[in-house]
Amino acid sequence: MRLATCFAGGEPLYGAITDAGLVALSPDFPQWPTLRDVIAADGLFALARAAAGRQVTHAPDGFRYNVPIPNPEKIICVGVNFPDRNAEYRDGSAQPAHMSLFPRFARSFTGHDRPLIRPPESHMLDYEGELAVVIGRGGRRIAAEYAHDHIAALTICNEGTIRDWVRHAKFNVTQGKNWDRSGAMGPWIVPFTASAQIDAARITTRVNGEIRQDDAVANMLFSVREQIAYISTFTTLVPGDIIVTGTPTGAGARLDPPQYLAPGDVVEVEVTGIGTLRNTVEDERCP
């Protein structure tokens, strides 16, 4: 099942995505205004039952995608989480003992088939294809062996980055990671039912049809289980929180010469078992 947050006729709604279009479900569940509320109420399978056998309410051209989980309390990203990514830094460092983390704000993401926005302050907009996990059952100090029990769903992230702004401070990448609509998430969430959904997943990023990133999630330095355990040690995870789990080697900044995104480019991030997140690139329209 694929569940998406969309706009249709200027109104937000959520529902199930089929090959024929959207089956709007939010009108049937007024007690759950958003998919975040659905997850907090453990209602994903109620949506699945409601969608079964229903006809589409909106054709593919009758709606547009928003980010799947609106206004999560936390979006926490894991940096440098593939062996080749660590080697890309060419600093001779060994695998770190602990994972690198940073926050992203909700408005730094846009939805599927919406443009990534390149700001006038910098043209070093880069792509990073990643698997993202949506927390269902919250908790603190979650043991790694039970971590998958706390996942509600999976989605795809293009963790777009303004590269020169991640070097404005000695220990801080936050400002390079949070430009409005510089990244994307979606197109939908897929309910998490088995560890194989993560263990067998592969991340592939294409720019204008050219494969730039391609690696298996199983090759991460810190697994999703370890991420949930580590992060929940210092902060309480709550339903709807999102963990963006790390990008493979091949981002534009590390190519020789670097290849940043420009208006008209098309970026596609595909993750096995979830789908493909597609975005174009536009320059910001400033007053």
Protein backbone atom coordinates (compact mmCIF):
# COMPACT_ATOMS: atom_id res chain seq x y z
CA MET A 1 0.00 0.00 0.00
CA ARG A 2 1.19 3.50 -0.87
CA LEU A 3 -0.19 6.37 1.20
CA ALA A 4 0.36 9.98 0.17
CA THR A 5 -0.44 13.49 1.33
CA CYS A 6 -1.73 15.59 -1.55
CA PHE A 7 -3.45 18.79 -2.59
CA ALA A 8 -6.57 18.67 -4.76
CA GLY A 9 -8.68 21.71 -5.53
CA GLY A 10 -6.57 23.72 -3.15
CA GLU A 11 -7.40 21.45 -0.21
CA PRO A 12 -5.02 19.06 1.60
CA LEU A 13 -5.99 15.41 1.81
CA TYR A 14 -4.41 11.99 2.12
CA GLY A 15 -5.17 8.67 0.56
CA ALA A 16 -3.97 5.55 -1.22
CA ILE A 17 -2.10 5.79 -4.51
CA THR A 18 -2.91 3.26 -7.23
CA ASP A 19 -1.81 3.03 -10.84
CA ALA A 20 -5.10 4.71 -11.75
CA GLY A 21 -4.77 7.65 -9.35
CA LEU A 22 -5.67 8.63 -5.79
CA VAL A 23 -8.26 7.07 -3.50
CA ALA A 24 -9.00 9.88 -1.04
CA LEU A 25 -9.33 8.50 2.50
CA SER A 26 -9.05 11.53 4.77
CA PRO A 27 -12.77 12.46 4.41
CA ASP A 28 -13.59 9.07 5.99
CA PHE A 29 -11.31 9.66 8.98
CA PRO A 30 -11.95 13.20 10.29
CA GLN A 31 -10.49 12.16 13.65
CA TRP A 32 -7.10 11.88 11.91
CA PRO A 33 -6.48 15.14 10.02
CA THR A 34 -3.05 14.08 8.68
CA LEU A 35 -0.99 10.96 8.12
CA ARG A 36 1.01 11.95 11.17
CA ASP A 37 -2.19 11.61 13.19
CA VAL A 38 -2.93 8.28 11.52
CA ILE A 39 0.47 6.97 12.55
CA ALA A 40 0.11 8.26 16.11
CA ALA A 41 -3.18 6.36 16.37
CA ASP A 42 -1.71 3.21 14.80
CA GLY A 43 -4.25 3.60 12.01
CA LEU A 44 -2.32 2.63 8.87
CA PHE A 45 -4.04 -0.72 8.54
CA ALA A 46 -7.44 0.87 9.06
CA LEU A 47 -6.64 2.96 5.99
CA ALA A 48 -5.65 -0.17 4.10
CA ARG A 49 -8.97 -1.81 4.91
CA ALA A 50 -10.87 1.32 3.89
CA ALA A 51 -9.02 1.54 0.57
CA ALA A 52 -9.60 -2.08 -0.43
CA GLY A 53 -11.77 -2.33 -3.52
CA ARG A 54 -12.42 1.42 -3.73
CA GLN A 55 -12.45 3.32 -7.00
CA VAL A 56 -10.08 6.26 -7.45
CA THR A 57 -11.45 9.66 -6.50
CA HIS A 58 -8.80 11.69 -8.34
CA ALA A 59 -7.11 10.95 -11.65
CA PRO A 60 -3.31 11.36 -11.77
CA ASP A 61 -3.65 14.88 -13.15
CA GLY A 62 -6.21 15.83 -10.51
CA PHE A 63 -3.87 16.22 -7.54
CA ARG A 64 -0.30 17.14 -6.61
CA TYR A 65 1.96 15.63 -3.99
CA ASN A 66 3.02 17.17 -0.72
CA VAL A 67 5.58 15.74 1.72
CA PRO A 68 3.95 12.61 3.18
CA ILE A 69 4.23 13.48 6.90
CA PRO A 70 3.39 17.14 7.51
CA ASN A 71 5.17 18.94 10.34
CA PRO A 72 6.93 16.08 12.10
CA GLU A 73 8.31 16.96 15.51
CA LYS A 74 11.80 15.90 14.46
CA ILE A 75 13.67 15.16 11.25
CA ILE A 76 17.10 13.78 12.14
CA CYS A 77 19.62 12.98 9.40
CA VAL A 78 22.60 10.65 9.55
CA GLY A 79 25.71 11.86 7.74
CA VAL A 80 28.63 9.98 6.14
CA ASN A 81 27.01 6.58 6.67
CA PHE A 82 28.47 4.52 3.83
CA PRO A 83 32.11 3.32 3.72
CA ASP A 84 32.79 4.96 0.35
CA ARG A 85 31.29 8.22 1.60
CA ASN A 86 33.79 8.23 4.48
CA ALA A 87 36.60 7.65 1.97
CA GLU A 88 35.34 10.55 -0.19
CA TYR A 89 36.52 12.98 2.47
CA ARG A 90 40.14 11.93 1.81
CA ASP A 91 41.14 12.77 5.37
CA GLY A 92 42.50 9.32 6.22
CA SER A 93 39.98 8.85 8.99
CA ALA A 94 38.81 5.39 10.02
CA GLN A 95 35.20 4.46 10.51
CA PRO A 96 33.89 6.74 13.30
CA ALA A 97 32.86 5.22 16.60
CA HIS A 98 29.60 7.17 16.61
CA MET A 99 27.32 8.40 13.86
CA SER A 100 27.19 12.01 12.67
CA LEU A 101 23.77 13.63 13.09
CA PHE A 102 22.10 16.90 12.19
CA PRO A 103 18.52 18.24 12.12
CA ARG A 104 16.44 19.34 9.18
CA PHE A 105 13.35 21.50 9.37
CA ALA A 106 10.08 20.51 7.72
CA ARG A 107 9.95 23.47 5.35
CA SER A 108 13.31 22.50 3.86
CA PHE A 109 11.50 19.71 1.96
CA THR A 110 9.04 19.70 -0.91
CA GLY A 111 6.98 16.90 -2.43
CA HIS A 112 7.27 14.55 -5.38
CA ASP A 113 7.15 16.16 -8.84
CA ARG A 114 7.72 19.59 -7.28
CA PRO A 115 10.85 21.67 -7.99
CA LEU A 116 13.87 21.82 -5.75
CA ILE A 117 14.72 25.48 -5.24
CA ARG A 118 18.21 26.84 -5.85
CA PRO A 119 18.74 30.09 -3.86
CA PRO A 120 20.49 33.17 -5.24
CA GLU A 121 23.02 33.11 -2.39
CA SER A 122 24.65 29.93 -3.73
CA HIS A 123 24.43 27.76 -6.84
CA MET A 124 26.04 24.76 -5.13
CA LEU A 125 22.76 22.80 -4.78
CA ASP A 126 23.57 19.10 -4.49
CA TYR A 127 21.55 15.89 -4.33
CA GLU A 128 21.66 13.04 -1.80
CA GLY A 129 19.38 10.04 -2.32
CA GLU A 130 18.39 8.31 0.93
CA LEU A 131 16.02 5.91 2.63
CA ALA A 132 13.92 7.55 5.35
CA VAL A 133 12.11 5.77 8.17
CA VAL A 134 9.00 7.09 9.89
CA ILE A 135 8.67 6.32 13.58
CA GLY A 136 5.39 4.72 14.64
CA ARG A 137 5.81 3.68 18.25
CA GLY A 138 7.82 6.21 20.19
CA GLY A 139 10.24 5.58 22.98
CA ARG A 140 13.45 6.39 24.79
CA ARG A 141 16.58 4.20 24.99
CA ILE A 142 15.17 1.74 22.48
CA ALA A 143 17.28 -1.42 22.26
CA ALA A 144 18.65 -2.10 18.78
CA GLU A 145 17.13 -5.59 18.65
CA TYR A 146 13.65 -4.08 19.08
CA ALA A 147 14.21 -0.98 16.94
CA HIS A 148 12.31 -2.24 13.88
CA ASP A 149 9.22 -2.62 16.08
CA HIS A 150 9.16 1.17 16.34
CA ILE A 151 9.00 1.83 12.58
CA ALA A 152 5.63 2.67 11.03
CA ALA A 153 6.61 3.27 7.43
CA LEU A 154 9.35 3.93 4.91
CA THR A 155 9.74 6.70 2.37
CA ILE A 156 12.37 8.27 0.08
CA CYS A 157 14.39 11.42 0.63
CA ASN A 158 16.51 13.64 -1.60
CA GLU A 159 18.47 15.35 1.13
CA GLY A 160 19.40 18.39 -0.98
CA THR A 161 22.34 20.42 0.31
CA ILE A 162 23.81 23.86 -0.36
CA ARG A 163 27.42 22.71 -0.21
CA ASP A 164 29.36 25.88 0.55
CA TRP A 165 26.98 26.74 3.40
CA VAL A 166 27.84 23.52 5.26
CA ARG A 167 31.33 24.99 5.71
CA HIS A 168 30.32 28.34 7.23
CA ALA A 169 31.21 27.10 10.70
CA LYS A 170 33.77 24.67 12.05
CA PHE A 171 31.44 22.01 13.47
CA ASN A 172 28.08 22.91 11.95
CA VAL A 173 26.32 21.81 8.75
CA THR A 174 22.80 22.88 9.77
CA GLN A 175 22.67 26.05 7.69
CA GLY A 176 23.65 24.21 4.50
CA LYS A 177 20.96 21.61 5.06
CA ASN A 178 17.89 23.74 5.71
CA TRP A 179 17.25 26.06 2.79
CA ASP A 180 13.54 26.21 2.00
CA ARG A 181 12.50 23.48 -0.47
CA SER A 182 16.10 22.46 -1.14
CA GLY A 183 15.25 18.80 -0.54
CA ALA A 184 12.33 16.49 -1.22
CA MET A 185 10.51 13.61 0.43
CA GLY A 186 7.97 11.13 -0.87
CA PRO A 187 6.19 10.39 -3.09
CA TRP A 188 4.38 8.38 -0.41
CA ILE A 189 4.95 6.21 2.60
CA VAL A 190 4.90 2.41 2.49
CA PRO A 191 3.84 0.71 5.74
CA PHE A 192 6.69 -1.22 7.34
CA THR A 193 5.84 -4.88 7.88
CA ALA A 194 9.11 -6.82 7.63
CA SER A 195 12.82 -6.23 8.19
CA ALA A 196 13.47 -7.43 4.62
CA GLN A 197 12.02 -4.13 3.37
CA ILE A 198 15.14 -2.45 4.75
CA ASP A 199 17.65 -5.28 4.50
CA ALA A 200 17.07 -5.81 0.76
CA ALA A 201 16.68 -2.16 -0.23
CA ARG A 202 18.94 -0.40 -2.71
CA ILE A 203 19.28 3.36 -3.26
CA THR A 204 19.80 4.61 -6.82
CA THR A 205 20.01 8.30 -7.73
CA ARG A 206 19.83 9.53 -11.32
CA VAL A 207 20.42 13.06 -12.62
CA ASN A 208 19.01 13.62 -16.10
CA GLY A 209 18.94 9.85 -16.52
CA GLU A 210 22.58 9.29 -15.52
CA ILE A 211 23.17 7.07 -12.49
CA ARG A 212 25.16 9.02 -9.91
CA GLN A 213 24.56 6.97 -6.75
CA ASP A 214 23.89 3.24 -6.38
CA ASP A 215 24.41 1.21 -3.22
CA ALA A 216 22.68 -1.26 -0.92
CA VAL A 217 21.23 -0.15 2.40
CA ALA A 218 22.91 -3.21 3.93
CA ASN A 219 26.28 -1.49 3.38
CA MET A 220 25.57 1.33 5.83
CA LEU A 221 28.18 1.88 8.53
CA PHE A 222 25.40 2.28 11.09
CA SER A 223 22.26 0.23 10.46
CA VAL A 224 18.75 1.55 10.89
CA ARG A 225 18.51 -0.48 14.10
CA GLU A 226 21.63 1.22 15.44
CA GLN A 227 20.36 4.63 14.39
CA ILE A 228 17.09 4.28 16.27
CA ALA A 229 18.88 2.95 19.35
CA TYR A 230 21.52 5.71 19.37
CA ILE A 231 19.17 8.60 18.63
CA SER A 232 16.62 7.47 21.22
CA THR A 233 19.36 7.47 23.86
CA PHE A 234 19.42 11.26 23.99
CA THR A 235 15.96 12.24 22.71
CA THR A 236 12.52 10.71 22.96
CA LEU A 237 11.27 9.54 19.58
CA VAL A 238 7.58 10.17 18.94
CA PRO A 239 5.17 8.98 16.23
CA GLY A 240 5.78 10.78 12.95
CA ASP A 241 9.45 11.54 13.61
CA ILE A 242 11.61 10.89 10.55
CA ILE A 243 15.14 9.53 10.43
CA VAL A 244 16.96 10.11 7.14
CA THR A 245 19.45 7.28 7.15
CA GLY A 246 22.42 8.33 4.97
CA THR A 247 23.43 8.69 1.34
CA PRO A 248 25.82 6.59 -0.79
CA THR A 249 28.88 7.91 -2.56
CA GLY A 250 28.40 9.88 -5.78
CA ALA A 251 26.98 13.24 -4.70
CA GLY A 252 27.82 16.05 -7.11
CA ALA A 253 30.28 17.79 -4.80
CA ARG A 254 32.56 14.74 -4.82
CA LEU A 255 32.74 14.31 -8.59
CA ASP A 256 35.76 15.59 -10.53
CA PRO A 257 34.92 18.27 -11.47
CA PRO A 258 31.96 18.86 -9.12
CA GLN A 259 28.56 18.75 -10.79
CA TYR A 260 25.90 20.74 -8.97
CA LEU A 261 22.23 20.90 -9.88
CA ALA A 262 20.99 23.60 -12.23
CA PRO A 263 17.55 24.76 -13.38
CA GLY A 264 16.01 22.23 -15.74
CA ASP A 265 17.77 19.23 -14.20
CA VAL A 266 15.69 16.20 -13.23
CA VAL A 267 16.68 14.19 -10.14
CA GLU A 268 15.22 10.76 -9.47
CA VAL A 269 15.85 8.76 -6.29
CA GLU A 270 14.70 5.15 -6.43
CA VAL A 271 14.56 2.85 -3.40
CA THR A 272 13.70 -0.82 -3.80
CA GLY A 273 10.18 -1.65 -2.69
CA ILE A 274 9.11 1.97 -2.26
CA GLY A 275 9.24 3.67 -5.64
CA THR A 276 10.87 6.71 -7.23
CA LEU A 277 10.99 10.29 -5.95
CA ARG A 278 11.29 12.72 -8.86
CA ASN A 279 12.04 16.46 -8.78
CA THR A 280 13.05 19.17 -11.19
CA VAL A 281 15.21 22.18 -10.25
CA GLU A 282 14.28 25.86 -10.39
CA ASP A 283 15.89 29.09 -9.27
CA GLU A 284 14.20 30.91 -6.39
CA ARG A 285 12.00 33.78 -7.45
CA CYS A 286 13.07 36.65 -5.24
CA PRO A 287 11.18 39.95 -4.86
